[in-house]
Amino acid sequence: MKFILGKKLGMTQVFQPDGNVVPVTRVKCGPCVITQIKAKNIQIGFEPVKEKNLAKPQIGHLKDLDKVRVLCEFKVDEAQTKDLSRGNCISIESFVTGDKVSVTGTSKGKGFQGVVKRHGFHGSPASHGHKDQLRMPGSIGAGGPQHVFKGTRMGGHMGSGQVTVKNLEIIVVKPEENELYIKGAVPGARNGVLKITAQGDLKILDDKKAEVEIVETKEAEEIKTEQASEEVVVQTEPKEAEKDTKKE
């Protein structure tokens, strides 16, 4: 199984080659660092944060690792835990276009709502003697049992709970921006944390490759600065020659 943590950025639309318009949700995913490995769970961290904004227990838990704000666990097989180690980096490269993913997030909180909005009750007729009863639940049980049964649908707190939407398709993968475009809507508000899982192999970002890329970029910058300095020297020589001719 492959998995990653992400942050919901908002919704947009993508025009496909056949002319169809697909509504998608932009999700910024990873890179995530593995912070703890258990028997059948793997804990990963997401969203870098300054050390001063963490409590001491969190700082100790993330010792020798990049400090992150969000920690989350995923259930995996025991065989997969043996292939991973603490400190490994999980990138967006594990996901490809066309993957079917499950997205878990916290739904938007709606506060205290009545039975019409919360449970889809139709309400009472607006005529024939009804007064102030349009959105009331009506009877909540018979008189014989002398109590209300557990689970009776009533008004109450709505939303702000864990919701999972399955079988969503990945339309676009942008590795350079660490973004996934997922078809349809995902639970939660903007900037909400999402858990994304799918079937397939999990790819680990190689630290050596990252170091090589950093070294190559530094060498390229040094070469550019040297070339720029040489060009400046070449341009200054003709000016000095012109000054000498004027003196003569």
C-alpha atoms as a PDB file:
ATOM      1  CA  MET A   1       0.000   0.000   0.000  1.00  0.00           C
ATOM      2  CA  LYS A   2       1.139   3.526  -0.737  1.00  0.00           C
ATOM      3  CA  PHE A   3       0.139   6.518   1.343  1.00  0.00           C
ATOM      4  CA  ILE A   4       0.910  10.178   1.917  1.00  0.00           C
ATOM      5  CA  LEU A   5      -0.360  13.206   3.810  1.00  0.00           C
ATOM      6  CA  GLY A   6      -1.586  16.324   2.057  1.00  0.00           C
ATOM      7  CA  LYS A   7      -3.287  19.683   2.469  1.00  0.00           C
ATOM      8  CA  LYS A   8      -6.411  20.722   0.572  1.00  0.00           C
ATOM      9  CA  LEU A   9      -5.794  23.871  -1.475  1.00  0.00           C
ATOM     10  CA  GLY A  10      -9.163  24.263  -3.201  1.00  0.00           C
ATOM     11  CA  MET A  11     -11.046  23.242  -6.334  1.00  0.00           C
ATOM     12  CA  THR A  12     -10.521  24.021 -10.009  1.00  0.00           C
ATOM     13  CA  GLN A  13     -11.217  22.389 -13.369  1.00  0.00           C
ATOM     14  CA  VAL A  14      -9.117  20.566 -15.965  1.00  0.00           C
ATOM     15  CA  PHE A  15      -9.797  20.466 -19.708  1.00  0.00           C
ATOM     16  CA  GLN A  16      -9.083  17.031 -21.155  1.00  0.00           C
ATOM     17  CA  PRO A  17      -7.935  16.394 -24.774  1.00  0.00           C
ATOM     18  CA  ASP A  18     -11.411  15.140 -25.757  1.00  0.00           C
ATOM     19  CA  GLY A  19     -12.948  18.452 -24.670  1.00  0.00           C
ATOM     20  CA  ASN A  20     -14.506  17.289 -21.400  1.00  0.00           C
ATOM     21  CA  VAL A  21     -14.197  19.519 -18.345  1.00  0.00           C
ATOM     22  CA  VAL A  22     -13.366  17.654 -15.121  1.00  0.00           C
ATOM     23  CA  PRO A  23     -13.832  19.267 -11.678  1.00  0.00           C
ATOM     24  CA  VAL A  24     -10.779  18.516  -9.532  1.00  0.00           C
ATOM     25  CA  THR A  25      -9.473  19.240  -6.055  1.00  0.00           C
ATOM     26  CA  ARG A  26      -5.912  20.518  -5.692  1.00  0.00           C
ATOM     27  CA  VAL A  27      -4.032  18.756  -2.892  1.00  0.00           C
ATOM     28  CA  LYS A  28      -0.477  19.640  -1.856  1.00  0.00           C
ATOM     29  CA  CYS A  29       1.161  16.372  -0.799  1.00  0.00           C
ATOM     30  CA  GLY A  30       4.413  15.733   1.032  1.00  0.00           C
ATOM     31  CA  PRO A  31       7.253  15.365   1.208  1.00  0.00           C
ATOM     32  CA  CYS A  32       6.591  13.354   4.372  1.00  0.00           C
ATOM     33  CA  VAL A  33       9.157  11.879   6.745  1.00  0.00           C
ATOM     34  CA  ILE A  34       8.739   8.568   8.578  1.00  0.00           C
ATOM     35  CA  THR A  35       8.878   9.395  12.288  1.00  0.00           C
ATOM     36  CA  GLN A  36       8.021   6.036  13.903  1.00  0.00           C
ATOM     37  CA  ILE A  37       7.613   2.391  12.875  1.00  0.00           C
ATOM     38  CA  LYS A  38       5.425   0.024  14.894  1.00  0.00           C
ATOM     39  CA  ALA A  39       4.396  -3.602  14.373  1.00  0.00           C
ATOM     40  CA  LYS A  40       1.584  -2.859  11.923  1.00  0.00           C
ATOM     41  CA  ASN A  41       1.535   0.946  11.828  1.00  0.00           C
ATOM     42  CA  ILE A  42       3.791   3.566  10.288  1.00  0.00           C
ATOM     43  CA  GLN A  43       3.750   7.135  11.561  1.00  0.00           C
ATOM     44  CA  ILE A  44       4.679   9.919   9.155  1.00  0.00           C
ATOM     45  CA  GLY A  45       5.033  13.674   9.599  1.00  0.00           C
ATOM     46  CA  PHE A  46       3.955  16.505   7.343  1.00  0.00           C
ATOM     47  CA  GLU A  47       4.198  20.308   7.086  1.00  0.00           C
ATOM     48  CA  PRO A  48       7.527  21.733   8.364  1.00  0.00           C
ATOM     49  CA  VAL A  49       7.417  23.906  11.460  1.00  0.00           C
ATOM     50  CA  LYS A  50       9.960  25.795  13.565  1.00  0.00           C
ATOM     51  CA  GLU A  51      11.270  24.013  16.630  1.00  0.00           C
ATOM     52  CA  LYS A  52      10.225  26.882  18.918  1.00  0.00           C
ATOM     53  CA  ASN A  53       6.577  26.187  18.049  1.00  0.00           C
ATOM     54  CA  LEU A  54       6.708  22.595  19.342  1.00  0.00           C
ATOM     55  CA  ALA A  55       6.425  21.250  22.875  1.00  0.00           C
ATOM     56  CA  LYS A  56       9.395  19.472  24.444  1.00  0.00           C
ATOM     57  CA  PRO A  57       7.855  15.982  24.132  1.00  0.00           C
ATOM     58  CA  GLN A  58       7.327  16.589  20.411  1.00  0.00           C
ATOM     59  CA  ILE A  59      10.896  17.834  19.988  1.00  0.00           C
ATOM     60  CA  GLY A  60      12.191  14.691  21.697  1.00  0.00           C
ATOM     61  CA  HIS A  61       9.977  12.469  19.557  1.00  0.00           C
ATOM     62  CA  LEU A  62      11.359  14.116  16.394  1.00  0.00           C
ATOM     63  CA  LYS A  63      14.998  14.042  17.494  1.00  0.00           C
ATOM     64  CA  ASP A  64      17.438  13.974  14.532  1.00  0.00           C
ATOM     65  CA  LEU A  65      14.517  14.537  12.117  1.00  0.00           C
ATOM     66  CA  ASP A  66      12.949  17.511  10.386  1.00  0.00           C
ATOM     67  CA  LYS A  67      10.437  19.169  12.685  1.00  0.00           C
ATOM     68  CA  VAL A  68       6.850  18.756  11.454  1.00  0.00           C
ATOM     69  CA  ARG A  69       3.452  19.945  12.670  1.00  0.00           C
ATOM     70  CA  VAL A  70       1.225  17.000  11.686  1.00  0.00           C
ATOM     71  CA  LEU A  71       1.765  13.365  12.721  1.00  0.00           C
ATOM     72  CA  CYS A  72      -0.448  10.575  11.424  1.00  0.00           C
ATOM     73  CA  GLU A  73      -0.388   6.759  11.406  1.00  0.00           C
ATOM     74  CA  PHE A  74      -1.245   4.334   8.605  1.00  0.00           C
ATOM     75  CA  LYS A  75      -2.013   0.625   8.971  1.00  0.00           C
ATOM     76  CA  VAL A  76       0.280  -1.527   6.825  1.00  0.00           C
ATOM     77  CA  ASP A  77       1.463  -5.120   6.559  1.00  0.00           C
ATOM     78  CA  GLU A  78       4.319  -6.358   8.710  1.00  0.00           C
ATOM     79  CA  ALA A  79       6.359  -7.068   5.582  1.00  0.00           C
ATOM     80  CA  GLN A  80       6.157  -3.421   4.554  1.00  0.00           C
ATOM     81  CA  THR A  81       7.396  -2.203   7.929  1.00  0.00           C
ATOM     82  CA  LYS A  82      10.610  -4.207   7.469  1.00  0.00           C
ATOM     83  CA  ASP A  83      11.412  -2.437   4.189  1.00  0.00           C
ATOM     84  CA  LEU A  84      11.149   1.034   5.728  1.00  0.00           C
ATOM     85  CA  SER A  85      13.203   2.816   8.350  1.00  0.00           C
ATOM     86  CA  ARG A  86      12.868   5.921  10.486  1.00  0.00           C
ATOM     87  CA  GLY A  87      13.905   9.039   8.601  1.00  0.00           C
ATOM     88  CA  ASN A  88      12.902   7.835   5.123  1.00  0.00           C
ATOM     89  CA  CYS A  89      11.240  10.485   2.968  1.00  0.00           C
ATOM     90  CA  ILE A  90       7.982   9.736   1.118  1.00  0.00           C
ATOM     91  CA  SER A  91       7.373  11.797  -1.999  1.00  0.00           C
ATOM     92  CA  ILE A  92       4.538  12.278  -4.456  1.00  0.00           C
ATOM     93  CA  GLU A  93       6.366  10.118  -7.023  1.00  0.00           C
ATOM     94  CA  SER A  94       4.554   7.035  -5.684  1.00  0.00           C
ATOM     95  CA  PHE A  95       1.318   8.199  -7.338  1.00  0.00           C
ATOM     96  CA  VAL A  96       0.607   8.298 -11.069  1.00  0.00           C
ATOM     97  CA  THR A  97      -2.234   9.544 -13.236  1.00  0.00           C
ATOM     98  CA  GLY A  98      -5.219   7.184 -13.171  1.00  0.00           C
ATOM     99  CA  ASP A  99      -4.661   5.820  -9.655  1.00  0.00           C
ATOM    100  CA  LYS A 100      -7.777   5.186  -7.572  1.00  0.00           C
ATOM    101  CA  VAL A 101      -7.277   6.652  -4.101  1.00  0.00           C
ATOM    102  CA  SER A 102      -9.164   6.885  -0.816  1.00  0.00           C
ATOM    103  CA  VAL A 103      -9.127  10.318   0.818  1.00  0.00           C
ATOM    104  CA  THR A 104      -9.805  10.787   4.539  1.00  0.00           C
ATOM    105  CA  GLY A 105     -10.372  14.191   6.106  1.00  0.00           C
ATOM    106  CA  THR A 106     -12.356  16.114   8.714  1.00  0.00           C
ATOM    107  CA  SER A 107     -15.676  17.382   7.375  1.00  0.00           C
ATOM    108  CA  LYS A 108     -16.756  20.999   7.778  1.00  0.00           C
ATOM    109  CA  GLY A 109     -18.437  21.726  11.099  1.00  0.00           C
ATOM    110  CA  LYS A 110     -22.084  22.834  10.830  1.00  0.00           C
ATOM    111  CA  GLY A 111     -22.837  23.415  14.507  1.00  0.00           C
ATOM    112  CA  PHE A 112     -26.215  22.430  16.015  1.00  0.00           C
ATOM    113  CA  GLN A 113     -28.644  21.506  13.220  1.00  0.00           C
ATOM    114  CA  GLY A 114     -32.208  20.235  13.100  1.00  0.00           C
ATOM    115  CA  VAL A 115     -33.518  16.966  11.725  1.00  0.00           C
ATOM    116  CA  VAL A 116     -34.294  18.394   8.268  1.00  0.00           C
ATOM    117  CA  LYS A 117     -30.689  19.368   7.554  1.00  0.00           C
ATOM    118  CA  ARG A 118     -29.024  16.681   9.658  1.00  0.00           C
ATOM    119  CA  HIS A 119     -31.093  13.621   8.701  1.00  0.00           C
ATOM    120  CA  GLY A 120     -33.077  14.723   5.662  1.00  0.00           C
ATOM    121  CA  PHE A 121     -36.546  14.759   7.263  1.00  0.00           C
ATOM    122  CA  HIS A 122     -39.227  16.186   4.966  1.00  0.00           C
ATOM    123  CA  GLY A 123     -40.974  18.259   7.624  1.00  0.00           C
ATOM    124  CA  SER A 124     -44.714  18.623   8.179  1.00  0.00           C
ATOM    125  CA  PRO A 125     -47.350  19.992   5.783  1.00  0.00           C
ATOM    126  CA  ALA A 126     -47.661  23.777   5.790  1.00  0.00           C
ATOM    127  CA  SER A 127     -51.469  23.738   5.999  1.00  0.00           C
ATOM    128  CA  HIS A 128     -54.454  21.905   7.561  1.00  0.00           C
ATOM    129  CA  GLY A 129     -53.986  23.176  11.073  1.00  0.00           C
ATOM    130  CA  HIS A 130     -50.194  22.904  11.366  1.00  0.00           C
ATOM    131  CA  LYS A 131     -48.639  25.780  13.248  1.00  0.00           C
ATOM    132  CA  ASP A 132     -44.922  26.199  14.068  1.00  0.00           C
ATOM    133  CA  GLN A 133     -44.377  22.518  13.232  1.00  0.00           C
ATOM    134  CA  LEU A 134     -42.927  22.765   9.722  1.00  0.00           C
ATOM    135  CA  ARG A 135     -39.434  21.473  10.599  1.00  0.00           C
ATOM    136  CA  MET A 136     -40.190  19.554  13.780  1.00  0.00           C
ATOM    137  CA  PRO A 137     -39.258  15.840  14.069  1.00  0.00           C
ATOM    138  CA  GLY A 138     -42.719  14.734  15.174  1.00  0.00           C
ATOM    139  CA  SER A 139     -43.149  11.679  17.389  1.00  0.00           C
ATOM    140  CA  ILE A 140     -39.990  10.220  18.939  1.00  0.00           C
ATOM    141  CA  GLY A 141     -41.544   6.903  19.984  1.00  0.00           C
ATOM    142  CA  ALA A 142     -44.538   5.105  21.463  1.00  0.00           C
ATOM    143  CA  GLY A 143     -45.764   5.676  24.988  1.00  0.00           C
ATOM    144  CA  GLY A 144     -45.563   2.030  26.059  1.00  0.00           C
ATOM    145  CA  PRO A 145     -41.788   1.557  26.455  1.00  0.00           C
ATOM    146  CA  GLN A 146     -41.670   4.665  28.667  1.00  0.00           C
ATOM    147  CA  HIS A 147     -38.338   5.768  27.236  1.00  0.00           C
ATOM    148  CA  VAL A 148     -36.704   6.974  24.013  1.00  0.00           C
ATOM    149  CA  PHE A 149     -34.669   4.318  22.236  1.00  0.00           C
ATOM    150  CA  LYS A 150     -30.986   4.915  21.648  1.00  0.00           C
ATOM    151  CA  GLY A 151     -30.119   5.995  18.129  1.00  0.00           C
ATOM    152  CA  THR A 152     -33.350   7.907  17.525  1.00  0.00           C
ATOM    153  CA  ARG A 153     -32.660  10.561  14.926  1.00  0.00           C
ATOM    154  CA  MET A 154     -32.855  14.032  16.439  1.00  0.00           C
ATOM    155  CA  GLY A 155     -31.271  17.431  16.102  1.00  0.00           C
ATOM    156  CA  GLY A 156     -27.706  17.845  17.319  1.00  0.00           C
ATOM    157  CA  HIS A 157     -24.129  18.653  16.419  1.00  0.00           C
ATOM    158  CA  MET A 158     -23.430  18.105  12.725  1.00  0.00           C
ATOM    159  CA  GLY A 159     -20.155  17.805  10.856  1.00  0.00           C
ATOM    160  CA  SER A 160     -16.583  18.095  12.137  1.00  0.00           C
ATOM    161  CA  GLY A 161     -16.087  14.331  11.940  1.00  0.00           C
ATOM    162  CA  GLN A 162     -13.837  11.928  10.062  1.00  0.00           C
ATOM    163  CA  VAL A 163     -15.072  11.203   6.538  1.00  0.00           C
ATOM    164  CA  THR A 164     -13.536   8.885   3.921  1.00  0.00           C
ATOM    165  CA  VAL A 165     -14.318   9.116   0.209  1.00  0.00           C
ATOM    166  CA  LYS A 166     -13.193   6.077  -1.788  1.00  0.00           C
ATOM    167  CA  ASN A 167     -12.431   5.378  -5.434  1.00  0.00           C
ATOM    168  CA  LEU A 168     -11.424   8.905  -6.438  1.00  0.00           C
ATOM    169  CA  GLU A 169      -9.286   9.178  -9.568  1.00  0.00           C
ATOM    170  CA  ILE A 170      -6.040  11.125  -9.886  1.00  0.00           C
ATOM    171  CA  ILE A 171      -6.263  13.332 -12.985  1.00  0.00           C
ATOM    172  CA  VAL A 172      -2.936  15.212 -12.858  1.00  0.00           C
ATOM    173  CA  VAL A 173       0.334  14.682 -10.956  1.00  0.00           C
ATOM    174  CA  LYS A 174       2.738  17.634 -10.603  1.00  0.00           C
ATOM    175  CA  PRO A 175       5.972  16.395  -8.963  1.00  0.00           C
ATOM    176  CA  GLU A 176       7.742  19.763  -9.300  1.00  0.00           C
ATOM    177  CA  GLU A 177       4.969  21.431  -7.253  1.00  0.00           C
ATOM    178  CA  ASN A 178       4.117  18.408  -5.038  1.00  0.00           C
ATOM    179  CA  GLU A 179       0.473  18.631  -6.087  1.00  0.00           C
ATOM    180  CA  LEU A 180      -2.209  16.088  -6.959  1.00  0.00           C
ATOM    181  CA  TYR A 181      -5.346  16.933  -8.913  1.00  0.00           C
ATOM    182  CA  ILE A 182      -8.045  14.535  -7.649  1.00  0.00           C
ATOM    183  CA  LYS A 183     -11.334  14.188  -9.505  1.00  0.00           C
ATOM    184  CA  GLY A 184     -14.353  15.432  -7.571  1.00  0.00           C
ATOM    185  CA  ALA A 185     -14.655  16.791  -4.045  1.00  0.00           C
ATOM    186  CA  VAL A 186     -12.795  15.661  -0.942  1.00  0.00           C
ATOM    187  CA  PRO A 187     -13.927  16.176   2.673  1.00  0.00           C
ATOM    188  CA  GLY A 188     -12.900  19.202   4.681  1.00  0.00           C
ATOM    189  CA  ALA A 189     -12.230  22.884   4.274  1.00  0.00           C
ATOM    190  CA  ARG A 190      -9.270  24.615   2.645  1.00  0.00           C
ATOM    191  CA  ASN A 191      -5.923  23.976   4.353  1.00  0.00           C
ATOM    192  CA  GLY A 192      -7.365  20.856   5.995  1.00  0.00           C
ATOM    193  CA  VAL A 193      -5.087  17.829   6.398  1.00  0.00           C
ATOM    194  CA  LEU A 194      -5.922  14.801   4.233  1.00  0.00           C
ATOM    195  CA  LYS A 195      -4.833  11.149   4.365  1.00  0.00           C
ATOM    196  CA  ILE A 196      -4.424   9.660   0.888  1.00  0.00           C
ATOM    197  CA  THR A 197      -4.051   5.899   0.380  1.00  0.00           C
ATOM    198  CA  ALA A 198      -3.973   3.648  -2.686  1.00  0.00           C
ATOM    199  CA  GLN A 199      -2.923   0.184  -3.776  1.00  0.00           C
ATOM    200  CA  GLY A 200       0.622  -0.084  -5.091  1.00  0.00           C
ATOM    201  CA  ASP A 201       4.279   0.137  -4.143  1.00  0.00           C
ATOM    202  CA  LEU A 202       5.530   2.950  -1.947  1.00  0.00           C
ATOM    203  CA  LYS A 203       8.562   4.800  -3.345  1.00  0.00           C
ATOM    204  CA  ILE A 204      11.131   6.247  -0.966  1.00  0.00           C
ATOM    205  CA  LEU A 205      13.026   9.398  -1.927  1.00  0.00           C
ATOM    206  CA  ASP A 206      16.743   8.613  -2.099  1.00  0.00           C
ATOM    207  CA  ASP A 207      18.745  10.994   0.101  1.00  0.00           C
ATOM    208  CA  LYS A 208      21.914  10.445  -1.970  1.00  0.00           C
ATOM    209  CA  LYS A 209      20.178  11.568  -5.157  1.00  0.00           C
ATOM    210  CA  ALA A 210      18.933  14.672  -3.401  1.00  0.00           C
ATOM    211  CA  GLU A 211      22.472  15.469  -2.200  1.00  0.00           C
ATOM    212  CA  VAL A 212      23.868  14.967  -5.718  1.00  0.00           C
ATOM    213  CA  GLU A 213      21.254  17.313  -7.165  1.00  0.00           C
ATOM    214  CA  ILE A 214      22.138  19.979  -4.592  1.00  0.00           C
ATOM    215  CA  VAL A 215      25.862  19.649  -5.380  1.00  0.00           C
ATOM    216  CA  GLU A 216      25.207  19.856  -9.124  1.00  0.00           C
ATOM    217  CA  THR A 217      23.144  23.009  -8.738  1.00  0.00           C
ATOM    218  CA  LYS A 218      25.889  24.624  -6.642  1.00  0.00           C
ATOM    219  CA  GLU A 219      28.526  23.753  -9.249  1.00  0.00           C
ATOM    220  CA  ALA A 220      26.315  25.123 -12.020  1.00  0.00           C
ATOM    221  CA  GLU A 221      25.879  28.388 -10.112  1.00  0.00           C
ATOM    222  CA  GLU A 222      29.655  28.693  -9.600  1.00  0.00           C
ATOM    223  CA  ILE A 223      30.262  28.123 -13.324  1.00  0.00           C
ATOM    224  CA  LYS A 224      27.701  30.800 -14.202  1.00  0.00           C
ATOM    225  CA  THR A 225      29.344  33.323 -11.865  1.00  0.00           C
ATOM    226  CA  GLU A 226      32.780  32.565 -13.357  1.00  0.00           C
ATOM    227  CA  GLN A 227      31.462  33.021 -16.900  1.00  0.00           C
ATOM    228  CA  ALA A 228      29.815  36.289 -15.940  1.00  0.00           C
ATOM    229  CA  SER A 229      33.070  37.610 -14.429  1.00  0.00           C
ATOM    230  CA  GLU A 230      35.005  36.634 -17.586  1.00  0.00           C
ATOM    231  CA  GLU A 231      32.497  38.505 -19.754  1.00  0.00           C
ATOM    232  CA  VAL A 232      32.953  41.612 -17.619  1.00  0.00           C
ATOM    233  CA  VAL A 233      36.724  41.414 -18.035  1.00  0.00           C
ATOM    234  CA  VAL A 234      36.439  41.010 -21.811  1.00  0.00           C
ATOM    235  CA  GLN A 235      34.132  44.011 -22.069  1.00  0.00           C
ATOM    236  CA  THR A 236      36.447  46.274 -20.047  1.00  0.00           C
ATOM    237  CA  GLU A 237      39.524  45.628 -22.224  1.00  0.00           C
ATOM    238  CA  PRO A 238      38.292  47.504 -25.370  1.00  0.00           C
ATOM    239  CA  LYS A 239      37.390  50.544 -23.257  1.00  0.00           C
ATOM    240  CA  GLU A 240      40.930  50.731 -21.882  1.00  0.00           C
ATOM    241  CA  ALA A 241      42.290  50.452 -25.424  1.00  0.00           C
ATOM    242  CA  GLU A 242      40.103  53.379 -26.537  1.00  0.00           C
ATOM    243  CA  LYS A 243      41.436  55.526 -23.677  1.00  0.00           C
ATOM    244  CA  ASP A 244      45.042  54.795 -24.739  1.00  0.00           C
ATOM    245  CA  THR A 245      44.331  55.827 -28.344  1.00  0.00           C
ATOM    246  CA  LYS A 246      42.761  59.108 -27.182  1.00  0.00           C
ATOM    247  CA  LYS A 247      45.846  59.939 -25.083  1.00  0.00           C
ATOM    248  CA  GLU A 248      48.119  59.403 -28.083  1.00  0.00           C
END
